[in-house]
Amino acid sequence: MNICFLIGKIISKIEFDFVIGDNKNFKNRKISIVRFGLKLLDKNIVNIIGYNNVADFCYQKLKIGENVFIQGFINNSGEIEIKNIILI
């Protein structure tokens, strides 16, 4: 597993989705998902994704233009998956 630390500015709308599992593996399981774009200090843009409690926090507390510190990892899709996020 990899780990990354990022500092950047939120540059896109915070997209929030909510999924309720319906198959036997996810029966009655609720998953919230958040996605947004982050512009890093070196001007690169990365896609960010977060799940459940992290997604709920991001949707409720973050807005476009705010600076954040993210601890996460790069998933198989090349997105940064949030483990911890701090508003700075």
N, C-alpha and C. Protein backbone atom coordinates (compact mmCIF):
# COMPACT_ATOMS: atom_id res chain seq x y z
N MET A 1 0.83 -1.17 0.00
CA MET A 1 0.00 0.00 0.00
C MET A 1 0.88 1.24 0.00
N ASN A 2 0.41 2.27 -0.66
CA ASN A 2 1.16 3.52 -0.73
C ASN A 2 0.51 4.56 0.18
N ILE A 3 1.21 5.66 0.39
CA ILE A 3 0.67 6.75 1.19
C ILE A 3 1.13 8.06 0.57
N CYS A 4 0.25 9.07 0.62
CA CYS A 4 0.63 10.37 0.09
C CYS A 4 0.08 11.47 0.99
N PHE A 5 0.74 12.60 0.96
CA PHE A 5 0.33 13.78 1.70
C PHE A 5 0.25 14.92 0.70
N LEU A 6 -0.89 15.61 0.66
CA LEU A 6 -1.11 16.67 -0.32
C LEU A 6 -1.62 17.94 0.36
N ILE A 7 -1.20 19.08 -0.18
CA ILE A 7 -1.76 20.36 0.21
C ILE A 7 -2.22 21.03 -1.06
N GLY A 8 -3.45 21.52 -1.06
CA GLY A 8 -3.95 22.17 -2.25
C GLY A 8 -5.25 22.89 -2.01
N LYS A 9 -5.78 23.46 -3.11
CA LYS A 9 -7.01 24.23 -3.08
C LYS A 9 -8.10 23.47 -3.82
N ILE A 10 -9.28 23.41 -3.24
CA ILE A 10 -10.41 22.76 -3.88
C ILE A 10 -10.85 23.61 -5.06
N ILE A 11 -10.90 23.01 -6.26
CA ILE A 11 -11.22 23.79 -7.45
C ILE A 11 -12.50 23.36 -8.15
N SER A 12 -13.16 22.34 -7.64
CA SER A 12 -14.41 21.92 -8.28
C SER A 12 -15.49 21.72 -7.22
N LYS A 13 -16.71 21.66 -7.70
CA LYS A 13 -17.84 21.44 -6.81
C LYS A 13 -17.66 20.10 -6.09
N ILE A 14 -18.04 20.06 -4.83
CA ILE A 14 -18.00 18.82 -4.05
C ILE A 14 -19.19 17.97 -4.48
N GLU A 15 -18.92 16.86 -5.15
CA GLU A 15 -19.99 15.97 -5.61
C GLU A 15 -20.21 14.88 -4.58
N PHE A 16 -21.46 14.75 -4.12
CA PHE A 16 -21.80 13.80 -3.06
C PHE A 16 -22.79 12.78 -3.60
N ASP A 17 -22.53 11.51 -3.36
CA ASP A 17 -23.43 10.43 -3.73
C ASP A 17 -23.67 9.55 -2.52
N PHE A 18 -24.82 8.90 -2.53
CA PHE A 18 -25.18 8.01 -1.43
C PHE A 18 -25.70 6.72 -2.04
N VAL A 19 -25.13 5.59 -1.63
CA VAL A 19 -25.49 4.29 -2.20
C VAL A 19 -25.95 3.38 -1.07
N ILE A 20 -27.04 2.67 -1.32
CA ILE A 20 -27.50 1.66 -0.38
C ILE A 20 -27.35 0.30 -1.05
N GLY A 21 -26.57 -0.59 -0.43
CA GLY A 21 -26.31 -1.90 -1.01
C GLY A 21 -27.57 -2.74 -1.11
N ASP A 22 -27.66 -3.53 -2.18
CA ASP A 22 -28.84 -4.36 -2.37
C ASP A 22 -28.50 -5.82 -2.68
N ASN A 23 -27.23 -6.16 -2.77
CA ASN A 23 -26.89 -7.56 -2.98
C ASN A 23 -26.46 -8.20 -1.66
N LYS A 24 -26.22 -9.50 -1.67
CA LYS A 24 -25.95 -10.20 -0.41
C LYS A 24 -24.67 -9.74 0.28
N ASN A 25 -23.69 -9.25 -0.48
CA ASN A 25 -22.43 -8.79 0.13
C ASN A 25 -22.58 -7.44 0.82
N PHE A 26 -23.50 -6.62 0.34
CA PHE A 26 -23.66 -5.27 0.88
C PHE A 26 -25.08 -5.03 1.40
N LYS A 27 -25.76 -6.07 1.81
CA LYS A 27 -27.15 -5.94 2.25
C LYS A 27 -27.26 -4.94 3.40
N ASN A 28 -28.14 -3.99 3.20
CA ASN A 28 -28.41 -2.94 4.19
C ASN A 28 -27.17 -2.11 4.54
N ARG A 29 -26.19 -2.08 3.69
CA ARG A 29 -25.00 -1.28 3.92
C ARG A 29 -25.14 0.04 3.19
N LYS A 30 -24.88 1.14 3.88
CA LYS A 30 -24.99 2.47 3.31
C LYS A 30 -23.60 3.03 3.10
N ILE A 31 -23.35 3.57 1.92
CA ILE A 31 -22.04 4.12 1.59
C ILE A 31 -22.23 5.53 1.04
N SER A 32 -21.55 6.50 1.63
CA SER A 32 -21.54 7.85 1.07
C SER A 32 -20.19 8.07 0.39
N ILE A 33 -20.24 8.77 -0.74
CA ILE A 33 -19.05 8.98 -1.57
C ILE A 33 -18.97 10.47 -1.92
N VAL A 34 -17.77 11.03 -1.83
CA VAL A 34 -17.56 12.42 -2.21
C VAL A 34 -16.40 12.47 -3.20
N ARG A 35 -16.51 13.35 -4.18
CA ARG A 35 -15.45 13.56 -5.18
C ARG A 35 -15.26 15.05 -5.43
N PHE A 36 -14.00 15.46 -5.63
CA PHE A 36 -13.72 16.84 -6.01
C PHE A 36 -12.31 16.92 -6.59
N GLY A 37 -12.04 18.03 -7.27
CA GLY A 37 -10.72 18.29 -7.84
C GLY A 37 -9.90 19.14 -6.88
N LEU A 38 -8.61 18.86 -6.84
CA LEU A 38 -7.69 19.59 -5.96
C LEU A 38 -6.51 20.09 -6.78
N LYS A 39 -6.24 21.39 -6.70
CA LYS A 39 -5.08 21.99 -7.37
C LYS A 39 -3.95 22.08 -6.35
N LEU A 40 -2.87 21.38 -6.63
CA LEU A 40 -1.73 21.32 -5.71
C LEU A 40 -0.90 22.59 -5.81
N LEU A 41 0.04 22.74 -4.88
CA LEU A 41 0.91 23.92 -4.86
C LEU A 41 1.74 24.04 -6.13
N ASP A 42 2.07 22.90 -6.77
CA ASP A 42 2.86 22.95 -8.00
C ASP A 42 1.97 23.05 -9.25
N LYS A 43 0.70 23.39 -9.07
CA LYS A 43 -0.29 23.64 -10.13
C LYS A 43 -0.84 22.38 -10.79
N ASN A 44 -0.42 21.19 -10.36
CA ASN A 44 -1.02 19.96 -10.86
C ASN A 44 -2.42 19.80 -10.27
N ILE A 45 -3.28 19.13 -11.01
CA ILE A 45 -4.64 18.89 -10.57
C ILE A 45 -4.85 17.39 -10.39
N VAL A 46 -5.39 17.00 -9.24
CA VAL A 46 -5.65 15.59 -8.96
C VAL A 46 -7.12 15.42 -8.56
N ASN A 47 -7.64 14.23 -8.82
CA ASN A 47 -9.00 13.88 -8.43
C ASN A 47 -8.97 13.22 -7.06
N ILE A 48 -9.87 13.68 -6.19
CA ILE A 48 -9.94 13.21 -4.82
C ILE A 48 -11.25 12.46 -4.62
N ILE A 49 -11.20 11.37 -3.86
CA ILE A 49 -12.40 10.61 -3.52
C ILE A 49 -12.34 10.22 -2.05
N GLY A 50 -13.50 10.23 -1.41
CA GLY A 50 -13.58 9.83 0.00
C GLY A 50 -14.87 9.09 0.27
N TYR A 51 -14.86 8.28 1.31
CA TYR A 51 -16.00 7.44 1.62
C TYR A 51 -16.47 7.65 3.05
N ASN A 52 -17.76 7.41 3.26
CA ASN A 52 -18.42 7.35 4.56
C ASN A 52 -18.17 8.58 5.43
N ASN A 53 -17.56 8.45 6.61
CA ASN A 53 -17.41 9.58 7.51
C ASN A 53 -16.60 10.72 6.90
N VAL A 54 -15.57 10.39 6.15
CA VAL A 54 -14.76 11.41 5.48
C VAL A 54 -15.62 12.13 4.44
N ALA A 55 -16.42 11.39 3.70
CA ALA A 55 -17.30 11.98 2.69
C ALA A 55 -18.31 12.92 3.33
N ASP A 56 -18.89 12.50 4.43
CA ASP A 56 -19.86 13.33 5.14
C ASP A 56 -19.21 14.63 5.61
N PHE A 57 -18.00 14.54 6.18
CA PHE A 57 -17.28 15.74 6.63
C PHE A 57 -17.02 16.69 5.46
N CYS A 58 -16.50 16.15 4.36
CA CYS A 58 -16.17 16.98 3.20
C CYS A 58 -17.41 17.70 2.66
N TYR A 59 -18.51 16.97 2.55
CA TYR A 59 -19.74 17.56 2.01
C TYR A 59 -20.28 18.67 2.91
N GLN A 60 -20.19 18.49 4.21
CA GLN A 60 -20.75 19.45 5.15
C GLN A 60 -19.84 20.66 5.38
N LYS A 61 -18.54 20.47 5.37
CA LYS A 61 -17.62 21.51 5.84
C LYS A 61 -16.80 22.21 4.76
N LEU A 62 -16.61 21.59 3.58
CA LEU A 62 -15.69 22.15 2.60
C LEU A 62 -16.42 22.86 1.47
N LYS A 63 -15.73 23.87 0.90
CA LYS A 63 -16.27 24.64 -0.23
C LYS A 63 -15.17 24.89 -1.25
N ILE A 64 -15.57 25.26 -2.44
CA ILE A 64 -14.61 25.61 -3.49
C ILE A 64 -13.75 26.77 -3.00
N GLY A 65 -12.45 26.70 -3.28
CA GLY A 65 -11.53 27.77 -2.92
C GLY A 65 -10.83 27.58 -1.58
N GLU A 66 -11.26 26.61 -0.78
CA GLU A 66 -10.62 26.39 0.51
C GLU A 66 -9.37 25.53 0.35
N ASN A 67 -8.39 25.78 1.21
CA ASN A 67 -7.16 25.01 1.22
C ASN A 67 -7.28 23.86 2.21
N VAL A 68 -6.77 22.69 1.81
CA VAL A 68 -6.85 21.50 2.65
C VAL A 68 -5.53 20.74 2.64
N PHE A 69 -5.33 19.97 3.70
CA PHE A 69 -4.23 19.02 3.80
C PHE A 69 -4.87 17.64 3.79
N ILE A 70 -4.39 16.77 2.91
CA ILE A 70 -4.97 15.43 2.77
C ILE A 70 -3.90 14.38 2.99
N GLN A 71 -4.24 13.39 3.81
CA GLN A 71 -3.44 12.18 3.93
C GLN A 71 -4.28 11.09 3.28
N GLY A 72 -3.68 10.35 2.36
CA GLY A 72 -4.43 9.31 1.68
C GLY A 72 -3.52 8.38 0.92
N PHE A 73 -4.09 7.73 -0.09
CA PHE A 73 -3.31 6.86 -0.94
C PHE A 73 -3.87 6.87 -2.36
N ILE A 74 -3.06 6.45 -3.30
CA ILE A 74 -3.48 6.40 -4.70
C ILE A 74 -4.16 5.06 -4.92
N ASN A 75 -5.43 5.10 -5.36
CA ASN A 75 -6.14 3.85 -5.61
C ASN A 75 -5.88 3.33 -7.02
N ASN A 76 -6.50 2.23 -7.40
CA ASN A 76 -6.25 1.61 -8.71
C ASN A 76 -6.72 2.47 -9.88
N SER A 77 -7.61 3.41 -9.63
CA SER A 77 -8.11 4.30 -10.68
C SER A 77 -7.26 5.55 -10.84
N GLY A 78 -6.23 5.70 -10.02
CA GLY A 78 -5.37 6.88 -10.08
C GLY A 78 -5.89 8.06 -9.30
N GLU A 79 -6.97 7.87 -8.56
CA GLU A 79 -7.51 8.93 -7.71
C GLU A 79 -6.85 8.85 -6.33
N ILE A 80 -6.86 9.97 -5.63
CA ILE A 80 -6.36 9.99 -4.27
C ILE A 80 -7.53 9.70 -3.33
N GLU A 81 -7.43 8.62 -2.58
CA GLU A 81 -8.48 8.24 -1.64
C GLU A 81 -8.12 8.81 -0.27
N ILE A 82 -9.01 9.59 0.28
CA ILE A 82 -8.77 10.29 1.54
C ILE A 82 -8.84 9.33 2.73
N LYS A 83 -7.85 9.43 3.59
CA LYS A 83 -7.90 8.78 4.91
C LYS A 83 -8.17 9.82 5.98
N ASN A 84 -7.48 10.98 5.90
CA ASN A 84 -7.67 12.10 6.81
C ASN A 84 -7.62 13.37 6.00
N ILE A 85 -8.40 14.36 6.43
CA ILE A 85 -8.39 15.67 5.75
C ILE A 85 -8.52 16.76 6.81
N ILE A 86 -7.74 17.83 6.62
CA ILE A 86 -7.75 18.95 7.55
C ILE A 86 -7.91 20.24 6.74
N LEU A 87 -8.82 21.08 7.16
CA LEU A 87 -9.02 22.38 6.57
C LEU A 87 -7.94 23.32 7.08
N ILE A 88 -7.20 23.98 6.18
CA ILE A 88 -6.13 24.90 6.63
C ILE A 88 -6.40 26.31 6.16
